[in-house]
C-alpha cells in the first residue's frame, strides 16, 4: 500500500507526540533507540508533533480542488503576463526618451554672453548707469529676435581674473554659443591690447571649440579683423571657422553713441546668432575668422 504524503506526515506527528510524552525514541526500523531528556526538549517535540499532525490532517481532509489549483495557475499566468507587458511598456518608454533626448529639436541650447561692467567697456551710458553691461543689452535684442524658445541666455561679468576663477564653470556649462566682448578682459584700460588679454580666454575654452561671436568697436576695418584672426591662428588651436568677428558700428563719429540699439548692429548680431545655432549650417562661412586669417 502506497501512503500519501499527508498520511505519512500524520504518522510522523503522532510518533513525535509519543516520543515527547514517553521520553523514548524508537526509529521505524526498530533497531535504533534514543531518549529525549529534559522537560523543555520533550515539550518541544510534543508541540512539533501536534503542529505536524494538525497541518497534515487539514491537508488530508481539505485538499485543494483541481479547480482551485487551476484558478491559481491562471492567476499566476495572468500576473506574469501583466509583468511582461509592463516591462515591455517601460522598455518602449525608455527607448522613446532616449530618442527624444538625442533629437536636437528638443535640446535646450545655452548662449553665454560675456562682457565687463567697467565704464570703458559698456557702450550705452544708460545701461552702465543702470548697473548693466553690453550683455544685458544683447540679451534684450536677441530675446526679441524670434529665436527658438529653448534658448537660454547665461550672462557673465568679466574681470581681469575671470579666466582663472570662472573659465572652468563655463566649460562645464558647455554652451552652444559664446558671445564675448573682445576687450572685455582689458579691465578699465583703453583696450588696445585686446589680443594679449583675449587670446588667453580663447585658449581656456579651446577644448570645447564652441562657436563664438567676438564683438568690438575696433573691428570695422578688414585689416583689423585680419590682424585679430591671424593672432588667433598663430597662438591658439581654435577652429577659426567657428569664430566670427563682429564690428559694433556707431551712429556718429567716435565711440560715444555706439550700442546694440543701432539697427545695423542688431541685424548683424541676429544673423550670426541664427547661423551659429543652426545645426545644419555648413562650416567655414565667409565672415568667419578662417577667411580673414587666410587673406
Protein backbone atom coordinates (compact mmCIF):
# COMPACT_ATOMS: atom_id res chain seq x y z
CA UNK A 1 0.00 0.00 0.00
CA UNK A 2 1.39 3.37 -1.01
CA UNK A 3 0.91 6.05 1.61
CA UNK A 4 0.21 9.61 0.63
CA UNK A 5 2.34 12.46 1.91
CA UNK A 6 -0.35 13.78 4.33
CA UNK A 7 -0.75 10.30 5.91
CA UNK A 8 2.99 9.95 6.37
CA UNK A 9 3.12 13.38 7.99
CA UNK A 10 0.23 12.44 10.35
CA UNK A 11 2.08 9.31 11.46
CA UNK A 12 5.26 11.25 11.93
CA UNK A 13 3.39 13.81 14.05
CA UNK A 14 1.88 11.05 16.25
CA UNK A 15 5.27 9.42 16.74
CA UNK A 16 6.71 12.78 17.76
CA UNK A 17 3.91 13.23 20.33
CA UNK A 18 4.51 9.73 21.74
CA UNK A 19 8.27 10.29 21.86
CA UNK A 20 7.85 13.60 23.64
CA UNK A 21 5.39 12.17 26.16
CA UNK A 22 7.38 9.00 26.92
CA UNK A 23 10.84 10.39 26.51
CA UNK A 24 11.72 7.42 24.30
CA UNK A 25 12.52 7.49 20.58
CA UNK A 26 12.24 4.29 18.56
CA UNK A 27 13.09 4.54 14.86
CA UNK A 28 10.88 2.78 12.34
CA UNK A 29 13.40 0.02 11.73
CA UNK A 30 13.09 -0.98 15.42
CA UNK A 31 16.84 -1.24 15.74
CA UNK A 32 17.74 2.26 16.86
CA UNK A 33 16.55 3.77 20.09
CA UNK A 34 17.16 7.00 21.93
CA UNK A 35 15.92 9.25 24.68
CA UNK A 36 14.56 12.76 24.93
CA UNK A 37 15.85 14.18 28.17
CA UNK A 38 14.69 17.28 29.92
CA UNK A 39 11.27 18.85 30.19
CA UNK A 40 11.69 21.57 27.58
CA UNK A 41 13.04 19.28 24.83
CA UNK A 42 10.15 16.92 25.40
CA UNK A 43 7.61 19.73 25.29
CA UNK A 44 9.21 20.98 22.08
CA UNK A 45 8.96 17.52 20.48
CA UNK A 46 5.29 17.22 21.57
CA UNK A 47 4.48 20.70 20.17
CA UNK A 48 6.19 19.89 16.92
CA UNK A 49 4.26 16.61 16.65
CA UNK A 50 0.93 18.32 17.34
CA UNK A 51 1.67 21.03 14.75
CA UNK A 52 2.70 18.49 12.12
CA UNK A 53 -0.31 16.24 12.79
CA UNK A 54 -2.85 19.09 12.68
CA UNK A 55 -1.47 20.55 9.45
CA UNK A 56 -1.40 17.11 7.84
CA UNK A 57 -4.98 16.31 8.90
CA UNK A 58 -6.21 19.56 7.43
CA UNK A 59 -4.30 18.86 4.25
CA UNK A 60 -5.71 15.30 4.13
CA UNK A 61 -9.36 16.18 4.81
CA UNK A 62 -9.46 19.51 2.93
CA UNK A 63 -7.20 19.11 -0.08
CA UNK A 64 -7.31 21.93 -2.70
CA UNK A 65 -9.66 21.09 -5.51
CA UNK A 66 -8.39 20.81 -9.04
CA UNK A 67 -10.45 23.86 -9.86
CA UNK A 68 -8.71 25.93 -7.17
CA UNK A 69 -5.31 24.82 -8.40
CA UNK A 70 -6.28 25.65 -11.98
CA UNK A 71 -7.54 29.09 -10.95
CA UNK A 72 -4.36 29.73 -9.02
CA UNK A 73 -2.24 28.78 -12.00
CA UNK A 74 -4.33 31.05 -14.22
CA UNK A 75 -3.90 33.95 -11.79
CA UNK A 76 -0.15 33.41 -11.72
CA UNK A 77 -0.05 33.26 -15.52
CA UNK A 78 -2.08 36.49 -15.77
CA UNK A 79 0.24 38.27 -13.34
CA UNK A 80 3.28 37.05 -15.26
CA UNK A 81 1.75 38.39 -18.46
CA UNK A 82 0.97 41.70 -16.77
CA UNK A 83 4.56 41.99 -15.56
CA UNK A 84 5.86 41.23 -19.07
CA UNK A 85 3.52 43.85 -20.57
CA UNK A 86 4.62 46.48 -18.04
CA UNK A 87 8.27 45.66 -18.68
CA UNK A 88 7.69 45.99 -22.43
CA UNK A 89 5.96 49.35 -21.95
CA UNK A 90 8.83 50.52 -19.76
CA UNK A 91 11.39 49.49 -22.38
CA UNK A 92 9.44 51.28 -25.08
CA UNK A 93 9.17 54.43 -22.92
CA UNK A 94 12.90 54.40 -22.18
CA UNK A 95 13.68 53.96 -25.87
CA UNK A 96 11.37 56.88 -26.72
CA UNK A 97 13.02 59.03 -24.04
CA UNK A 98 16.48 58.32 -25.45
CA UNK A 99 15.22 59.16 -28.93
CA UNK A 100 13.76 62.47 -27.77
CA UNK A 101 16.85 63.29 -25.71
CA UNK A 102 19.10 62.76 -28.73
CA UNK A 103 16.82 64.77 -31.04
CA UNK A 104 18.39 68.20 -31.48
CA UNK A 105 14.93 69.76 -31.83
CA UNK A 106 14.31 69.08 -28.13
CA UNK A 107 17.79 70.02 -26.91
CA UNK A 108 17.92 73.11 -24.74
CA UNK A 109 20.60 75.46 -26.04
CA UNK A 110 22.73 77.77 -23.91
CA UNK A 111 24.13 81.07 -25.16
CA UNK A 112 26.85 82.57 -22.94
CA UNK A 113 27.03 86.38 -23.00
CA UNK A 114 30.35 87.64 -21.63
CA UNK A 115 31.26 91.28 -21.04
CA UNK A 116 32.77 93.63 -18.49
CA UNK A 117 30.90 96.10 -16.30
CA UNK A 118 33.76 98.61 -16.47
CA UNK A 119 32.61 102.01 -17.77
CA UNK A 120 35.17 101.94 -20.60
CA UNK A 121 33.69 98.66 -21.88
CA UNK A 122 29.93 99.42 -21.67
CA UNK A 123 28.75 101.06 -24.90
CA UNK A 124 25.41 102.51 -23.82
CA UNK A 125 25.73 105.07 -20.96
CA UNK A 126 22.14 104.40 -19.89
CA UNK A 127 22.92 100.69 -19.48
CA UNK A 128 26.04 101.48 -17.45
CA UNK A 129 24.14 103.92 -15.21
CA UNK A 130 21.61 101.15 -14.54
CA UNK A 131 24.44 98.83 -13.43
CA UNK A 132 24.30 96.67 -16.55
CA UNK A 133 26.70 95.53 -19.26
CA UNK A 134 26.57 95.11 -23.01
CA UNK A 135 25.45 91.54 -22.31
CA UNK A 136 22.20 92.88 -20.83
CA UNK A 137 21.50 94.89 -23.96
CA UNK A 138 22.40 91.92 -26.19
CA UNK A 139 20.05 89.60 -24.32
CA UNK A 140 17.20 92.06 -24.84
CA UNK A 141 17.98 92.35 -28.56
CA UNK A 142 18.16 88.59 -29.02
CA UNK A 143 15.08 87.90 -26.89
CA UNK A 144 13.06 89.93 -29.38
CA UNK A 145 14.62 88.16 -32.38
CA UNK A 146 12.14 85.27 -32.53
CA UNK A 147 14.80 82.71 -31.70
CA UNK A 148 13.71 79.16 -30.79
CA UNK A 149 12.06 79.06 -27.33
CA UNK A 150 14.64 76.59 -25.99
CA UNK A 151 17.41 79.22 -25.99
CA UNK A 152 18.72 80.08 -22.51
CA UNK A 153 20.97 83.13 -22.01
CA UNK A 154 23.71 82.92 -19.38
CA UNK A 155 25.42 86.23 -18.59
CA UNK A 156 28.91 86.52 -17.12
CA UNK A 157 30.55 89.71 -15.89
CA UNK A 158 34.19 89.71 -17.00
CA UNK A 159 37.16 90.81 -14.91
CA UNK A 160 40.90 90.58 -15.36
CA UNK A 161 40.89 87.43 -13.20
CA UNK A 162 37.81 85.83 -14.77
CA UNK A 163 39.81 83.23 -16.71
CA UNK A 164 41.38 81.94 -13.52
CA UNK A 165 38.18 81.90 -11.48
CA UNK A 166 35.33 81.22 -13.90
CA UNK A 167 36.56 79.61 -17.14
CA UNK A 168 36.17 76.15 -15.64
CA UNK A 169 32.49 76.78 -14.87
CA UNK A 170 31.89 77.95 -18.44
CA UNK A 171 33.48 74.77 -19.81
CA UNK A 172 31.26 72.67 -17.54
CA UNK A 173 28.18 74.50 -18.81
CA UNK A 174 29.28 73.62 -22.37
CA UNK A 175 27.28 76.41 -24.09
CA UNK A 176 26.19 76.13 -27.71
CA UNK A 177 27.38 79.66 -28.45
CA UNK A 178 29.64 82.26 -26.81
CA UNK A 179 29.08 85.97 -27.46
CA UNK A 180 32.01 87.85 -25.96
CA UNK A 181 33.44 91.37 -25.95
CA UNK A 182 36.92 91.32 -27.45
CA UNK A 183 38.10 93.98 -24.98
CA UNK A 184 36.15 92.59 -22.05
CA UNK A 185 39.27 91.26 -20.33
CA UNK A 186 41.10 94.61 -20.50
CA UNK A 187 39.57 96.00 -17.29
CA UNK A 188 39.29 99.79 -17.38
CA UNK A 189 42.22 100.16 -19.81
CA UNK A 190 41.99 101.55 -23.31
CA UNK A 191 41.57 98.09 -24.87
CA UNK A 192 44.44 98.47 -27.32
CA UNK A 193 45.98 95.22 -26.06
CA UNK A 194 42.83 93.22 -26.75
CA UNK A 195 44.77 90.41 -28.44
CA UNK A 196 47.06 90.00 -25.45
CA UNK A 197 44.16 89.79 -23.00
CA UNK A 198 41.69 87.93 -25.23
CA UNK A 199 43.90 85.10 -26.51
CA UNK A 200 44.29 83.53 -23.03
CA UNK A 201 40.50 83.34 -22.88
CA UNK A 202 40.32 81.56 -26.24
CA UNK A 203 42.92 79.08 -25.02
CA UNK A 204 40.94 78.45 -21.82
CA UNK A 205 37.85 77.34 -23.78
CA UNK A 206 39.57 75.75 -26.78
CA UNK A 207 38.83 72.17 -25.69
CA UNK A 208 35.13 72.68 -26.46
CA UNK A 209 35.61 74.52 -29.78
CA UNK A 210 32.34 76.34 -29.07
CA UNK A 211 31.11 78.68 -31.83
CA UNK A 212 31.98 82.23 -30.84
CA UNK A 213 30.99 85.79 -31.79
CA UNK A 214 33.65 88.33 -30.80
CA UNK A 215 32.40 91.91 -30.91
CA UNK A 216 34.29 95.17 -30.62
CA UNK A 217 34.08 98.77 -31.80
CA UNK A 218 37.59 98.40 -33.27
CA UNK A 219 36.85 95.66 -35.83
CA UNK A 220 35.45 97.91 -38.54
CA UNK A 221 38.44 97.70 -40.88
CA UNK A 222 39.30 94.50 -42.72
CA UNK A 223 42.94 94.97 -41.76
CA UNK A 224 41.98 94.94 -38.08
CA UNK A 225 39.97 91.74 -38.47
CA UNK A 226 42.82 90.15 -40.42
CA UNK A 227 45.32 91.03 -37.70
CA UNK A 228 42.99 89.78 -34.97
CA UNK A 229 42.22 86.47 -36.69
CA UNK A 230 45.84 85.83 -37.65
CA UNK A 231 46.81 86.29 -34.00
CA UNK A 232 44.26 83.65 -33.02
CA UNK A 233 45.50 81.33 -35.74
CA UNK A 234 49.12 81.67 -34.70
CA UNK A 235 48.62 81.37 -30.93
CA UNK A 236 45.64 79.03 -30.46
CA UNK A 237 44.37 75.74 -31.86
CA UNK A 238 40.78 77.00 -32.19
CA UNK A 239 38.77 76.13 -35.29
CA UNK A 240 38.59 79.59 -36.87
CA UNK A 241 35.53 78.67 -38.93
CA UNK A 242 33.67 78.84 -35.59
CA UNK A 243 34.81 82.36 -34.63
CA UNK A 244 33.05 85.43 -36.06
CA UNK A 245 34.48 88.93 -35.55
CA UNK A 246 31.67 91.47 -35.35
CA UNK A 247 32.22 95.21 -35.57
CA UNK A 248 29.93 97.32 -33.39
CA UNK A 249 29.05 100.35 -35.50
CA UNK A 250 28.32 103.81 -34.20
CA UNK A 251 25.62 106.22 -35.28
CA UNK A 252 28.05 109.10 -35.42
CA UNK A 253 31.81 109.56 -35.38
CA UNK A 254 33.52 108.45 -32.20
CA UNK A 255 32.60 105.80 -29.67
CA UNK A 256 30.20 107.80 -27.56
CA UNK A 257 26.97 106.74 -29.33
CA UNK A 258 27.76 103.08 -30.08
CA UNK A 259 25.31 100.48 -28.81
CA UNK A 260 23.39 97.37 -29.80
CA UNK A 261 20.37 99.58 -30.38
CA UNK A 262 21.89 100.62 -33.72
CA UNK A 263 19.89 98.85 -36.43
CA UNK A 264 22.93 97.58 -38.33
CA UNK A 265 24.37 96.01 -35.17
CA UNK A 266 21.06 94.34 -34.34
CA UNK A 267 20.73 92.82 -37.82
CA UNK A 268 24.30 91.55 -37.93
CA UNK A 269 24.20 90.10 -34.41
CA UNK A 270 20.93 88.24 -35.03
CA UNK A 271 22.24 86.94 -38.35
CA UNK A 272 25.37 85.49 -36.76
CA UNK A 273 23.48 84.00 -33.80
CA UNK A 274 20.98 82.23 -36.06
CA UNK A 275 23.80 80.99 -38.28
CA UNK A 276 25.88 79.54 -35.46
CA UNK A 277 22.94 77.94 -33.66
CA UNK A 278 21.79 76.22 -36.85
CA UNK A 279 22.95 72.60 -36.55
CA UNK A 280 22.57 72.04 -40.30
CA UNK A 281 24.70 75.01 -41.31
CA UNK A 282 27.95 74.25 -43.11
CA UNK A 283 31.23 75.37 -41.56
CA UNK A 284 33.67 77.95 -42.94
CA UNK A 285 31.17 80.76 -43.69
CA UNK A 286 32.60 83.76 -45.46
CA UNK A 287 32.61 86.06 -42.43
CA UNK A 288 34.49 83.70 -40.12
CA UNK A 289 38.00 84.25 -38.82
CA UNK A 290 39.22 81.47 -41.12
CA UNK A 291 38.68 83.62 -44.20
CA UNK A 292 40.20 86.71 -42.61
CA UNK A 293 43.28 84.81 -41.44
CA UNK A 294 43.86 83.50 -44.98
CA UNK A 295 43.81 86.96 -46.58
